[in-house]
Structure formats: structure tokens, C-alpha cells
């Protein structure tokens, strides 16, 4: 068995626990969980205590990605093309959340957010998964409270553990966050035989719902007919277990 490798650099040494390849054949070193690390808590406290988030109509919460910076990952490039095809950039603010914590997208290159690789989905240690949930709920609650009056609407596009953390943070703060994809769509695409049964947020069914949800938001912001679409198709309630 290959021994874990220690990487020195800015901040504390990081342990490389696995090496994977992306779809282009590039090697990516997977580090130990970032959410335990002091530099991530320090960066989070800076965002909560000192960073000023500009007022926007819409806060869009997107999950973090293995490729850094997040905006250069294939998934985020897809999400941003869809967002920019529907919403006026003046109306929305993107927030990245997940194993990184809760990060305004414009800070994606700030240390340590560009200096880690981690995949929670490959973790089988239930203690680590429980710790992630506890820590991420705390960080999401802090960000939601900080931005309570910053956004008029909030939409989180997420599945799996990130979604569960967002649901709990929203419920505990009393701050509404619409969720996409919808639970019925997740049920429809769920494949128990896959390593990641809920699939990928890049799947067409999920993407179609995301685009439709953004159209509804645009209608609410600008008072067009799209605002009349039934919002029940955008879930706010408990997430699928």
C-alpha cells in the first residue's frame, strides 16, 4: 500500500491520501479533509467578521469543485453559462459552499481556497461525514445570518451531503433557501447501482430544472409573467435522506 505523502507549502503541511485523474487525464492529488484545518476556519472568520458582501437581489449557492479555481472547473463553467444566459449579472451573487466552507465566489483565489483538493463523496468514514455536516451547518448558518438582509432571494443548486447541510442551516436560521434540483427529479434520476446514486449536477434533468428555476427567479426580480409560475416545484422542505 502506498504511504500517504506530506506536502509542504503555505499553511500547515497537508497529507496526500490519494491520486486521481480527471476526465482529461490530469493527475489530481487528494488531500485530507480541509474542513478540519485552521486556515479554513480563519478564512471563514474573515468572511463572516470582516468581508463586506454587496447587496444583490439573488444569492446563488453552488457546490465547490475539485478543480481550482472553482470558476474554471467544467461543472462551474456549465453552471455559469446557464446563469448568464438567464440572469443579469447585476442581479445575482454566487457563493460557493461545501468542504471549503462558505465562500463568496470572488474570493475563490484567496488562500486557502485554491490550495486543496478533496472529495467528500469518496469518504467512507462516517465520523468524517458527520463532522463535515456539523461544521458545514455551522458555517452556512453564519453566512446566512450575515447576509440575512443582503439578498431578497436565495437558491441553492446541490445534492447529497451539501444539500442536507443547507436544509438544516436554513431551518435553524429561519432564512428561506430554495433548493434545486427538486426532490422528485432526484428520485427519478437516482441509481442505486452507481457509486454516486444521485448522480452529477451536470446531468440534463438537473440542468433543465436549474435553468427553469433561474427563469422563475428572473421573473420575480423583474416582475414578468415568469413570476406567476408555481414555486412549489422549487423545494424548500426537508431533503431526501
C-alpha atoms as a PDB file:
ATOM      1  CA  UNK A   1       0.000   0.000   0.000  1.00  0.00           C
ATOM      2  CA  UNK A   2       1.329   3.440  -0.920  1.00  0.00           C
ATOM      3  CA  UNK A   3       2.234   5.540   2.085  1.00  0.00           C
ATOM      4  CA  UNK A   4       0.478   8.902   2.418  1.00  0.00           C
ATOM      5  CA  UNK A   5       2.684  11.759   1.211  1.00  0.00           C
ATOM      6  CA  UNK A   6       3.117  15.031   3.108  1.00  0.00           C
ATOM      7  CA  UNK A   7       3.055  18.239   1.054  1.00  0.00           C
ATOM      8  CA  UNK A   8       4.699  21.359   2.450  1.00  0.00           C
ATOM      9  CA  UNK A   9       3.504  24.798   1.434  1.00  0.00           C
ATOM     10  CA  UNK A  10       1.596  27.774   2.727  1.00  0.00           C
ATOM     11  CA  UNK A  11      -0.116  26.907   5.991  1.00  0.00           C
ATOM     12  CA  UNK A  12       0.219  23.586   7.767  1.00  0.00           C
ATOM     13  CA  UNK A  13       1.539  20.510   5.925  1.00  0.00           C
ATOM     14  CA  UNK A  14      -1.120  18.610   4.007  1.00  0.00           C
ATOM     15  CA  UNK A  15      -1.404  14.851   3.674  1.00  0.00           C
ATOM     16  CA  UNK A  16      -1.963  13.422   0.188  1.00  0.00           C
ATOM     17  CA  UNK A  17      -4.289  10.466   0.696  1.00  0.00           C
ATOM     18  CA  UNK A  18      -4.995   9.581  -2.942  1.00  0.00           C
ATOM     19  CA  UNK A  19      -4.122  10.497  -6.517  1.00  0.00           C
ATOM     20  CA  UNK A  20      -6.912  10.529  -9.110  1.00  0.00           C
ATOM     21  CA  UNK A  21      -7.234  11.573 -12.739  1.00  0.00           C
ATOM     22  CA  UNK A  22      -9.759  13.997 -14.158  1.00  0.00           C
ATOM     23  CA  UNK A  23     -11.500  13.287 -17.453  1.00  0.00           C
ATOM     24  CA  UNK A  24      -8.617  14.909 -19.329  1.00  0.00           C
ATOM     25  CA  UNK A  25      -6.065  12.565 -17.759  1.00  0.00           C
ATOM     26  CA  UNK A  26      -4.585  15.183 -15.425  1.00  0.00           C
ATOM     27  CA  UNK A  27      -3.338  13.901 -12.076  1.00  0.00           C
ATOM     28  CA  UNK A  28      -5.023  15.444  -9.028  1.00  0.00           C
ATOM     29  CA  UNK A  29      -3.690  14.879  -5.530  1.00  0.00           C
ATOM     30  CA  UNK A  30      -6.477  14.451  -2.976  1.00  0.00           C
ATOM     31  CA  UNK A  31      -5.632  15.893   0.432  1.00  0.00           C
ATOM     32  CA  UNK A  32      -7.003  15.167   3.872  1.00  0.00           C
ATOM     33  CA  UNK A  33     -10.309  16.885   4.835  1.00  0.00           C
ATOM     34  CA  UNK A  34      -9.969  20.674   4.581  1.00  0.00           C
ATOM     35  CA  UNK A  35     -12.847  21.481   6.928  1.00  0.00           C
ATOM     36  CA  UNK A  36     -10.767  20.426   9.952  1.00  0.00           C
ATOM     37  CA  UNK A  37      -7.921  22.766   9.094  1.00  0.00           C
ATOM     38  CA  UNK A  38      -7.266  26.018  10.950  1.00  0.00           C
ATOM     39  CA  UNK A  39      -6.621  28.046   7.799  1.00  0.00           C
ATOM     40  CA  UNK A  40     -10.126  27.267   6.533  1.00  0.00           C
ATOM     41  CA  UNK A  41     -11.686  28.399   9.793  1.00  0.00           C
ATOM     42  CA  UNK A  42      -9.512  31.533   9.764  1.00  0.00           C
ATOM     43  CA  UNK A  43     -10.618  32.346   6.207  1.00  0.00           C
ATOM     44  CA  UNK A  44     -14.241  31.698   7.139  1.00  0.00           C
ATOM     45  CA  UNK A  45     -13.992  34.040  10.132  1.00  0.00           C
ATOM     46  CA  UNK A  46     -12.535  36.740   7.873  1.00  0.00           C
ATOM     47  CA  UNK A  47     -15.533  36.386   5.549  1.00  0.00           C
ATOM     48  CA  UNK A  48     -18.033  36.479   8.402  1.00  0.00           C
ATOM     49  CA  UNK A  49     -16.401  39.148  10.556  1.00  0.00           C
ATOM     50  CA  UNK A  50     -14.715  41.489   8.087  1.00  0.00           C
ATOM     51  CA  UNK A  51     -15.693  40.937   4.464  1.00  0.00           C
ATOM     52  CA  UNK A  52     -18.440  43.111   3.021  1.00  0.00           C
ATOM     53  CA  UNK A  53     -20.861  41.282   0.723  1.00  0.00           C
ATOM     54  CA  UNK A  54     -22.525  43.602  -1.785  1.00  0.00           C
ATOM     55  CA  UNK A  55     -26.322  43.848  -1.880  1.00  0.00           C
ATOM     56  CA  UNK A  56     -27.896  41.737  -4.628  1.00  0.00           C
ATOM     57  CA  UNK A  57     -31.380  40.581  -5.471  1.00  0.00           C
ATOM     58  CA  UNK A  58     -30.350  36.922  -5.635  1.00  0.00           C
ATOM     59  CA  UNK A  59     -27.839  34.785  -3.763  1.00  0.00           C
ATOM     60  CA  UNK A  60     -26.901  31.660  -5.747  1.00  0.00           C
ATOM     61  CA  UNK A  61     -25.244  28.881  -3.746  1.00  0.00           C
ATOM     62  CA  UNK A  62     -23.182  26.424  -5.798  1.00  0.00           C
ATOM     63  CA  UNK A  63     -21.209  23.423  -4.515  1.00  0.00           C
ATOM     64  CA  UNK A  64     -17.430  23.540  -4.527  1.00  0.00           C
ATOM     65  CA  UNK A  65     -15.468  21.593  -7.146  1.00  0.00           C
ATOM     66  CA  UNK A  66     -12.272  19.548  -7.229  1.00  0.00           C
ATOM     67  CA  UNK A  67     -10.769  21.735  -9.983  1.00  0.00           C
ATOM     68  CA  UNK A  68      -9.447  25.087  -8.760  1.00  0.00           C
ATOM     69  CA  UNK A  69     -10.243  27.868  -9.057  1.00  0.00           C
ATOM     70  CA  UNK A  70     -13.871  26.798  -8.901  1.00  0.00           C
ATOM     71  CA  UNK A  71     -14.898  29.000 -11.820  1.00  0.00           C
ATOM     72  CA  UNK A  72     -12.514  27.070 -14.094  1.00  0.00           C
ATOM     73  CA  UNK A  73     -13.975  23.661 -13.283  1.00  0.00           C
ATOM     74  CA  UNK A  74     -16.101  22.089 -16.044  1.00  0.00           C
ATOM     75  CA  UNK A  75     -19.152  21.977 -13.777  1.00  0.00           C
ATOM     76  CA  UNK A  76     -18.948  25.627 -12.749  1.00  0.00           C
ATOM     77  CA  UNK A  77     -18.329  26.729 -16.312  1.00  0.00           C
ATOM     78  CA  UNK A  78     -21.542  24.925 -17.274  1.00  0.00           C
ATOM     79  CA  UNK A  79     -23.474  26.413 -14.341  1.00  0.00           C
ATOM     80  CA  UNK A  80     -22.238  29.915 -15.116  1.00  0.00           C
ATOM     81  CA  UNK A  81     -23.182  29.660 -18.796  1.00  0.00           C
ATOM     82  CA  UNK A  82     -26.716  28.784 -17.758  1.00  0.00           C
ATOM     83  CA  UNK A  83     -26.846  31.531 -15.129  1.00  0.00           C
ATOM     84  CA  UNK A  84     -25.508  34.172 -17.506  1.00  0.00           C
ATOM     85  CA  UNK A  85     -27.999  33.087 -20.154  1.00  0.00           C
ATOM     86  CA  UNK A  86     -30.905  33.860 -17.819  1.00  0.00           C
ATOM     87  CA  UNK A  87     -29.912  36.417 -15.184  1.00  0.00           C
ATOM     88  CA  UNK A  88     -28.445  39.891 -15.362  1.00  0.00           C
ATOM     89  CA  UNK A  89     -25.042  39.853 -13.586  1.00  0.00           C
ATOM     90  CA  UNK A  90     -26.148  42.951 -11.687  1.00  0.00           C
ATOM     91  CA  UNK A  91     -28.882  40.896 -10.019  1.00  0.00           C
ATOM     92  CA  UNK A  92     -27.012  37.949  -8.524  1.00  0.00           C
ATOM     93  CA  UNK A  93     -24.090  36.940  -6.338  1.00  0.00           C
ATOM     94  CA  UNK A  94     -22.540  33.461  -6.384  1.00  0.00           C
ATOM     95  CA  UNK A  95     -21.490  31.765  -3.156  1.00  0.00           C
ATOM     96  CA  UNK A  96     -19.502  28.513  -3.216  1.00  0.00           C
ATOM     97  CA  UNK A  97     -20.076  26.100  -0.350  1.00  0.00           C
ATOM     98  CA  UNK A  98     -19.200  22.587   0.741  1.00  0.00           C
ATOM     99  CA  UNK A  99     -15.959  21.140   2.047  1.00  0.00           C
ATOM    100  CA  UNK A 100     -14.386  24.577   1.550  1.00  0.00           C
ATOM    101  CA  UNK A 101     -16.871  26.179   3.944  1.00  0.00           C
ATOM    102  CA  UNK A 102     -18.883  29.112   2.584  1.00  0.00           C
ATOM    103  CA  UNK A 103     -17.032  31.355   0.142  1.00  0.00           C
ATOM    104  CA  UNK A 104     -18.149  34.365  -1.929  1.00  0.00           C
ATOM    105  CA  UNK A 105     -17.119  33.384  -5.453  1.00  0.00           C
ATOM    106  CA  UNK A 106     -14.986  36.481  -5.948  1.00  0.00           C
ATOM    107  CA  UNK A 107     -12.699  35.167  -3.173  1.00  0.00           C
ATOM    108  CA  UNK A 108     -12.081  31.818  -4.872  1.00  0.00           C
ATOM    109  CA  UNK A 109      -8.373  32.572  -5.348  1.00  0.00           C
ATOM    110  CA  UNK A 110      -7.839  33.670  -1.755  1.00  0.00           C
ATOM    111  CA  UNK A 111      -5.763  31.280   0.346  1.00  0.00           C
ATOM    112  CA  UNK A 112      -6.617  28.508   1.167  1.00  0.00           C
ATOM    113  CA  UNK A 113      -9.466  28.047  -1.322  1.00  0.00           C
ATOM    114  CA  UNK A 114      -7.232  27.408  -4.316  1.00  0.00           C
ATOM    115  CA  UNK A 115      -4.804  25.231  -2.375  1.00  0.00           C
ATOM    116  CA  UNK A 116      -6.639  22.000  -1.640  1.00  0.00           C
ATOM    117  CA  UNK A 117      -8.247  19.022  -3.342  1.00  0.00           C
ATOM    118  CA  UNK A 118     -10.759  16.854  -1.539  1.00  0.00           C
ATOM    119  CA  UNK A 119     -13.700  14.627  -2.484  1.00  0.00           C
ATOM    120  CA  UNK A 120     -16.207  14.030   0.306  1.00  0.00           C
ATOM    121  CA  UNK A 121     -18.124  11.611  -1.909  1.00  0.00           C
ATOM    122  CA  UNK A 122     -15.234   9.147  -1.803  1.00  0.00           C
ATOM    123  CA  UNK A 123     -15.116   9.175   2.005  1.00  0.00           C
ATOM    124  CA  UNK A 124     -16.494   6.083   3.729  1.00  0.00           C
ATOM    125  CA  UNK A 125     -15.576   7.162   7.262  1.00  0.00           C
ATOM    126  CA  UNK A 126     -18.905   8.034   8.897  1.00  0.00           C
ATOM    127  CA  UNK A 127     -17.202  10.102  11.576  1.00  0.00           C
ATOM    128  CA  UNK A 128     -15.674  12.346   8.918  1.00  0.00           C
ATOM    129  CA  UNK A 129     -19.039  12.685   7.180  1.00  0.00           C
ATOM    130  CA  UNK A 130     -20.767  13.579  10.465  1.00  0.00           C
ATOM    131  CA  UNK A 131     -18.063  16.108  11.242  1.00  0.00           C
ATOM    132  CA  UNK A 132     -18.434  17.660   7.798  1.00  0.00           C
ATOM    133  CA  UNK A 133     -22.178  18.053   8.313  1.00  0.00           C
ATOM    134  CA  UNK A 134     -21.756  19.647  11.733  1.00  0.00           C
ATOM    135  CA  UNK A 135     -19.040  22.051  10.583  1.00  0.00           C
ATOM    136  CA  UNK A 136     -20.754  22.997   7.326  1.00  0.00           C
ATOM    137  CA  UNK A 137     -24.104  23.644   9.020  1.00  0.00           C
ATOM    138  CA  UNK A 138     -22.295  25.984  11.424  1.00  0.00           C
ATOM    139  CA  UNK A 139     -20.580  27.805   8.548  1.00  0.00           C
ATOM    140  CA  UNK A 140     -23.709  28.061   6.423  1.00  0.00           C
ATOM    141  CA  UNK A 141     -25.712  29.354   9.381  1.00  0.00           C
ATOM    142  CA  UNK A 142     -23.103  32.031   9.970  1.00  0.00           C
ATOM    143  CA  UNK A 143     -23.169  33.125   6.343  1.00  0.00           C
ATOM    144  CA  UNK A 144     -26.963  33.088   6.103  1.00  0.00           C
ATOM    145  CA  UNK A 145     -27.196  35.210   9.244  1.00  0.00           C
ATOM    146  CA  UNK A 146     -24.544  37.622   7.985  1.00  0.00           C
ATOM    147  CA  UNK A 147     -26.390  38.082   4.684  1.00  0.00           C
ATOM    148  CA  UNK A 148     -29.943  37.985   6.061  1.00  0.00           C
ATOM    149  CA  UNK A 149     -30.641  41.419   4.548  1.00  0.00           C
ATOM    150  CA  UNK A 150     -28.204  41.143   1.627  1.00  0.00           C
ATOM    151  CA  UNK A 151     -30.324  39.057  -0.773  1.00  0.00           C
ATOM    152  CA  UNK A 152     -34.062  39.074  -1.451  1.00  0.00           C
ATOM    153  CA  UNK A 153     -33.989  35.554  -2.911  1.00  0.00           C
ATOM    154  CA  UNK A 154     -31.703  32.570  -2.330  1.00  0.00           C
ATOM    155  CA  UNK A 155     -31.299  29.467  -4.471  1.00  0.00           C
ATOM    156  CA  UNK A 156     -29.003  26.527  -3.731  1.00  0.00           C
ATOM    157  CA  UNK A 157     -28.208  24.060  -6.516  1.00  0.00           C
ATOM    158  CA  UNK A 158     -26.995  20.979  -4.693  1.00  0.00           C
ATOM    159  CA  UNK A 159     -27.497  17.307  -3.873  1.00  0.00           C
ATOM    160  CA  UNK A 160     -26.192  14.876  -1.279  1.00  0.00           C
ATOM    161  CA  UNK A 161     -24.418  15.978   1.923  1.00  0.00           C
ATOM    162  CA  UNK A 162     -24.148  19.606   0.788  1.00  0.00           C
ATOM    163  CA  UNK A 163     -27.915  19.750   0.348  1.00  0.00           C
ATOM    164  CA  UNK A 164     -28.553  18.234   3.771  1.00  0.00           C
ATOM    165  CA  UNK A 165     -26.303  20.821   5.385  1.00  0.00           C
ATOM    166  CA  UNK A 166     -28.078  23.651   3.554  1.00  0.00           C
ATOM    167  CA  UNK A 167     -31.508  22.371   4.598  1.00  0.00           C
ATOM    168  CA  UNK A 168     -30.525  22.260   8.264  1.00  0.00           C
ATOM    169  CA  UNK A 169     -28.858  25.678   8.169  1.00  0.00           C
ATOM    170  CA  UNK A 170     -31.920  27.206   6.505  1.00  0.00           C
ATOM    171  CA  UNK A 171     -34.284  25.638   9.019  1.00  0.00           C
ATOM    172  CA  UNK A 172     -32.213  26.659  12.040  1.00  0.00           C
ATOM    173  CA  UNK A 173     -31.826  30.273  10.910  1.00  0.00           C
ATOM    174  CA  UNK A 174     -35.360  30.628   9.575  1.00  0.00           C
ATOM    175  CA  UNK A 175     -33.887  32.040   6.346  1.00  0.00           C
ATOM    176  CA  UNK A 176     -35.576  30.573   3.272  1.00  0.00           C
ATOM    177  CA  UNK A 177     -33.337  28.973   0.660  1.00  0.00           C
ATOM    178  CA  UNK A 178     -34.952  27.443  -2.412  1.00  0.00           C
ATOM    179  CA  UNK A 179     -33.427  24.111  -3.422  1.00  0.00           C
ATOM    180  CA  UNK A 180     -32.813  22.649  -6.849  1.00  0.00           C
ATOM    181  CA  UNK A 181     -32.931  20.073  -8.276  1.00  0.00           C
ATOM    182  CA  UNK A 182     -36.322  19.138  -6.871  1.00  0.00           C
ATOM    183  CA  UNK A 183     -36.775  16.015  -4.774  1.00  0.00           C
ATOM    184  CA  UNK A 184     -38.946  14.361  -7.478  1.00  0.00           C
ATOM    185  CA  UNK A 185     -36.180  14.900 -10.032  1.00  0.00           C
ATOM    186  CA  UNK A 186     -33.583  13.448  -7.659  1.00  0.00           C
ATOM    187  CA  UNK A 187     -35.854  10.444  -7.119  1.00  0.00           C
ATOM    188  CA  UNK A 188     -36.280   9.990 -10.866  1.00  0.00           C
ATOM    189  CA  UNK A 189     -32.546  10.065 -11.611  1.00  0.00           C
ATOM    190  CA  UNK A 190     -31.481   8.105  -8.522  1.00  0.00           C
ATOM    191  CA  UNK A 191     -29.472   4.980  -9.439  1.00  0.00           C
ATOM    192  CA  UNK A 192     -28.651   2.724  -6.515  1.00  0.00           C
ATOM    193  CA  UNK A 193     -26.100   0.818  -8.613  1.00  0.00           C
ATOM    194  CA  UNK A 194     -23.909   3.881  -9.206  1.00  0.00           C
ATOM    195  CA  UNK A 195     -21.051   4.875  -6.875  1.00  0.00           C
ATOM    196  CA  UNK A 196     -22.802   8.266  -6.530  1.00  0.00           C
ATOM    197  CA  UNK A 197     -26.502   7.291  -6.691  1.00  0.00           C
ATOM    198  CA  UNK A 198     -27.809  10.854  -7.009  1.00  0.00           C
ATOM    199  CA  UNK A 199     -25.533  11.373  -9.983  1.00  0.00           C
ATOM    200  CA  UNK A 200     -23.984  14.661 -11.054  1.00  0.00           C
ATOM    201  CA  UNK A 201     -25.416  18.169 -11.106  1.00  0.00           C
ATOM    202  CA  UNK A 202     -24.358  18.289 -14.753  1.00  0.00           C
ATOM    203  CA  UNK A 203     -26.988  15.679 -15.679  1.00  0.00           C
ATOM    204  CA  UNK A 204     -29.520  17.013 -18.150  1.00  0.00           C
ATOM    205  CA  UNK A 205     -32.599  16.604 -15.958  1.00  0.00           C
ATOM    206  CA  UNK A 206     -30.973  18.562 -13.150  1.00  0.00           C
ATOM    207  CA  UNK A 207     -29.666  21.216 -15.522  1.00  0.00           C
ATOM    208  CA  UNK A 208     -33.096  21.717 -17.091  1.00  0.00           C
ATOM    209  CA  UNK A 209     -34.641  22.297 -13.657  1.00  0.00           C
ATOM    210  CA  UNK A 210     -31.846  24.681 -12.733  1.00  0.00           C
ATOM    211  CA  UNK A 211     -32.479  26.772 -15.831  1.00  0.00           C
ATOM    212  CA  UNK A 212     -36.233  26.793 -15.188  1.00  0.00           C
ATOM    213  CA  UNK A 213     -35.654  27.861 -11.589  1.00  0.00           C
ATOM    214  CA  UNK A 214     -33.453  30.734 -12.718  1.00  0.00           C
ATOM    215  CA  UNK A 215     -36.144  31.851 -15.159  1.00  0.00           C
ATOM    216  CA  UNK A 216     -38.628  31.940 -12.281  1.00  0.00           C
ATOM    217  CA  UNK A 217     -36.215  33.992 -10.203  1.00  0.00           C
ATOM    218  CA  UNK A 218     -35.689  36.433 -13.058  1.00  0.00           C
ATOM    219  CA  UNK A 219     -39.450  36.824 -13.270  1.00  0.00           C
ATOM    220  CA  UNK A 220     -39.734  37.547  -9.558  1.00  0.00           C
ATOM    221  CA  UNK A 221     -36.974  40.134  -9.693  1.00  0.00           C
ATOM    222  CA  UNK A 222     -38.283  41.944 -12.754  1.00  0.00           C
ATOM    223  CA  UNK A 223     -41.999  41.327 -12.338  1.00  0.00           C
ATOM    224  CA  UNK A 224     -42.510  39.415 -15.580  1.00  0.00           C
ATOM    225  CA  UNK A 225     -45.041  36.683 -16.172  1.00  0.00           C
ATOM    226  CA  UNK A 226     -42.499  34.067 -15.171  1.00  0.00           C
ATOM    227  CA  UNK A 227     -43.076  35.071 -11.561  1.00  0.00           C
ATOM    228  CA  UNK A 228     -46.515  33.511 -11.722  1.00  0.00           C
ATOM    229  CA  UNK A 229     -45.086  30.017 -12.164  1.00  0.00           C
ATOM    230  CA  UNK A 230     -45.876  27.799  -9.172  1.00  0.00           C
ATOM    231  CA  UNK A 231     -42.880  27.905  -6.823  1.00  0.00           C
ATOM    232  CA  UNK A 232     -43.793  24.552  -5.264  1.00  0.00           C
ATOM    233  CA  UNK A 233     -41.579  22.945  -7.894  1.00  0.00           C
ATOM    234  CA  UNK A 234     -38.630  24.603  -6.153  1.00  0.00           C
ATOM    235  CA  UNK A 235     -38.177  22.678  -2.924  1.00  0.00           C
ATOM    236  CA  UNK A 236     -37.707  24.334   0.439  1.00  0.00           C
ATOM    237  CA  UNK A 237     -38.661  21.409   2.618  1.00  0.00           C
ATOM    238  CA  UNK A 238     -36.691  18.502   4.074  1.00  0.00           C
ATOM    239  CA  UNK A 239     -34.182  16.906   1.781  1.00  0.00           C
ATOM    240  CA  UNK A 240     -34.288  13.323   0.600  1.00  0.00           C
ATOM    241  CA  UNK A 241     -32.440  11.058   3.036  1.00  0.00           C
END
